[in-house]
Amino acid sequence: MSKTHATDPDTSPGGSTRRKEVIQFLILAFGVWPVVAVGVVGGYGFLVWMYQLIAGPPGPPGH
């Protein structure tokens, strides 16, 4: 059996683990979440558009 040492890069608090976390954060913050946000807003706009095609445009009822 092998013991885990403090110098092991997978378990140490600094070093390559922190670098991987920073890279993952940057990918999420500037890559994935903006795409998700645009998709959610675009999906909502599409749903409103389809609803208005069926129910008619908003506004006072016609006489």
C-alpha atoms as a PDB file:
ATOM      1  CA  MET A   1       0.000   0.000   0.000  1.00  0.00           C
ATOM      2  CA  SER A   2       1.128   3.526  -0.655  1.00  0.00           C
ATOM      3  CA  LYS A   3       0.557   6.457   1.615  1.00  0.00           C
ATOM      4  CA  THR A   4      -0.508   9.860   0.360  1.00  0.00           C
ATOM      5  CA  HIS A   5       2.131  12.494   0.977  1.00  0.00           C
ATOM      6  CA  ALA A   6       1.664  16.254   1.228  1.00  0.00           C
ATOM      7  CA  THR A   7       3.906  16.630  -1.835  1.00  0.00           C
ATOM      8  CA  ASP A   8       1.453  14.690  -4.031  1.00  0.00           C
ATOM      9  CA  PRO A   9       0.168  17.241  -6.620  1.00  0.00           C
ATOM     10  CA  ASP A  10      -3.353  15.748  -6.557  1.00  0.00           C
ATOM     11  CA  THR A  11      -3.799  16.369  -2.832  1.00  0.00           C
ATOM     12  CA  SER A  12      -1.663  19.439  -2.145  1.00  0.00           C
ATOM     13  CA  PRO A  13      -3.566  22.738  -1.819  1.00  0.00           C
ATOM     14  CA  GLY A  14      -1.337  24.594  -4.285  1.00  0.00           C
ATOM     15  CA  GLY A  15       0.332  23.809  -7.558  1.00  0.00           C
ATOM     16  CA  SER A  16      -1.352  22.180 -10.513  1.00  0.00           C
ATOM     17  CA  THR A  17      -4.657  21.563  -8.702  1.00  0.00           C
ATOM     18  CA  ARG A  18      -5.217  25.282  -8.225  1.00  0.00           C
ATOM     19  CA  ARG A  19      -4.265  25.919 -11.860  1.00  0.00           C
ATOM     20  CA  LYS A  20      -6.800  23.331 -13.030  1.00  0.00           C
ATOM     21  CA  GLU A  21      -9.486  24.922 -10.862  1.00  0.00           C
ATOM     22  CA  VAL A  22      -8.750  28.388 -12.267  1.00  0.00           C
ATOM     23  CA  ILE A  23      -8.909  27.072 -15.835  1.00  0.00           C
ATOM     24  CA  GLN A  24     -12.184  25.266 -15.107  1.00  0.00           C
ATOM     25  CA  PHE A  25     -13.625  28.434 -13.570  1.00  0.00           C
ATOM     26  CA  LEU A  26     -12.642  30.529 -16.576  1.00  0.00           C
ATOM     27  CA  ILE A  27     -14.168  28.006 -18.975  1.00  0.00           C
ATOM     28  CA  LEU A  28     -17.407  27.994 -16.986  1.00  0.00           C
ATOM     29  CA  ALA A  29     -17.533  31.759 -16.405  1.00  0.00           C
ATOM     30  CA  PHE A  30     -16.701  32.872 -19.933  1.00  0.00           C
ATOM     31  CA  GLY A  31     -17.637  29.847 -22.046  1.00  0.00           C
ATOM     32  CA  VAL A  32     -20.435  27.672 -20.754  1.00  0.00           C
ATOM     33  CA  TRP A  33     -22.616  30.044 -18.726  1.00  0.00           C
ATOM     34  CA  PRO A  34     -22.911  32.760 -21.399  1.00  0.00           C
ATOM     35  CA  VAL A  35     -24.032  30.096 -23.889  1.00  0.00           C
ATOM     36  CA  VAL A  36     -26.561  28.756 -21.362  1.00  0.00           C
ATOM     37  CA  ALA A  37     -27.848  32.270 -20.641  1.00  0.00           C
ATOM     38  CA  VAL A  38     -28.312  33.071 -24.343  1.00  0.00           C
ATOM     39  CA  GLY A  39     -30.061  29.729 -24.824  1.00  0.00           C
ATOM     40  CA  VAL A  40     -32.487  30.343 -21.947  1.00  0.00           C
ATOM     41  CA  VAL A  41     -33.362  33.878 -23.068  1.00  0.00           C
ATOM     42  CA  GLY A  42     -33.659  32.772 -26.704  1.00  0.00           C
ATOM     43  CA  GLY A  43     -35.832  29.812 -25.717  1.00  0.00           C
ATOM     44  CA  TYR A  44     -38.139  32.052 -23.704  1.00  0.00           C
ATOM     45  CA  GLY A  45     -38.410  34.489 -26.619  1.00  0.00           C
ATOM     46  CA  PHE A  46     -39.233  31.613 -28.947  1.00  0.00           C
ATOM     47  CA  LEU A  47     -41.984  30.391 -26.591  1.00  0.00           C
ATOM     48  CA  VAL A  48     -43.511  33.880 -26.399  1.00  0.00           C
ATOM     49  CA  TRP A  49     -43.364  34.176 -30.197  1.00  0.00           C
ATOM     50  CA  MET A  50     -45.102  30.811 -30.685  1.00  0.00           C
ATOM     51  CA  TYR A  51     -47.738  31.722 -28.075  1.00  0.00           C
ATOM     52  CA  GLN A  52     -48.467  34.993 -29.862  1.00  0.00           C
ATOM     53  CA  LEU A  53     -48.830  33.180 -33.188  1.00  0.00           C
ATOM     54  CA  ILE A  54     -51.610  31.092 -31.620  1.00  0.00           C
ATOM     55  CA  ALA A  55     -53.255  33.573 -29.230  1.00  0.00           C
ATOM     56  CA  GLY A  56     -52.671  36.796 -31.158  1.00  0.00           C
ATOM     57  CA  PRO A  57     -50.623  39.819 -30.255  1.00  0.00           C
ATOM     58  CA  PRO A  58     -50.977  41.507 -26.860  1.00  0.00           C
ATOM     59  CA  GLY A  59     -53.150  44.578 -26.495  1.00  0.00           C
ATOM     60  CA  PRO A  60     -56.707  45.636 -25.784  1.00  0.00           C
ATOM     61  CA  PRO A  61     -59.430  43.427 -27.237  1.00  0.00           C
ATOM     62  CA  GLY A  62     -60.834  44.632 -30.537  1.00  0.00           C
ATOM     63  CA  HIS A  63     -64.437  45.898 -30.804  1.00  0.00           C
END
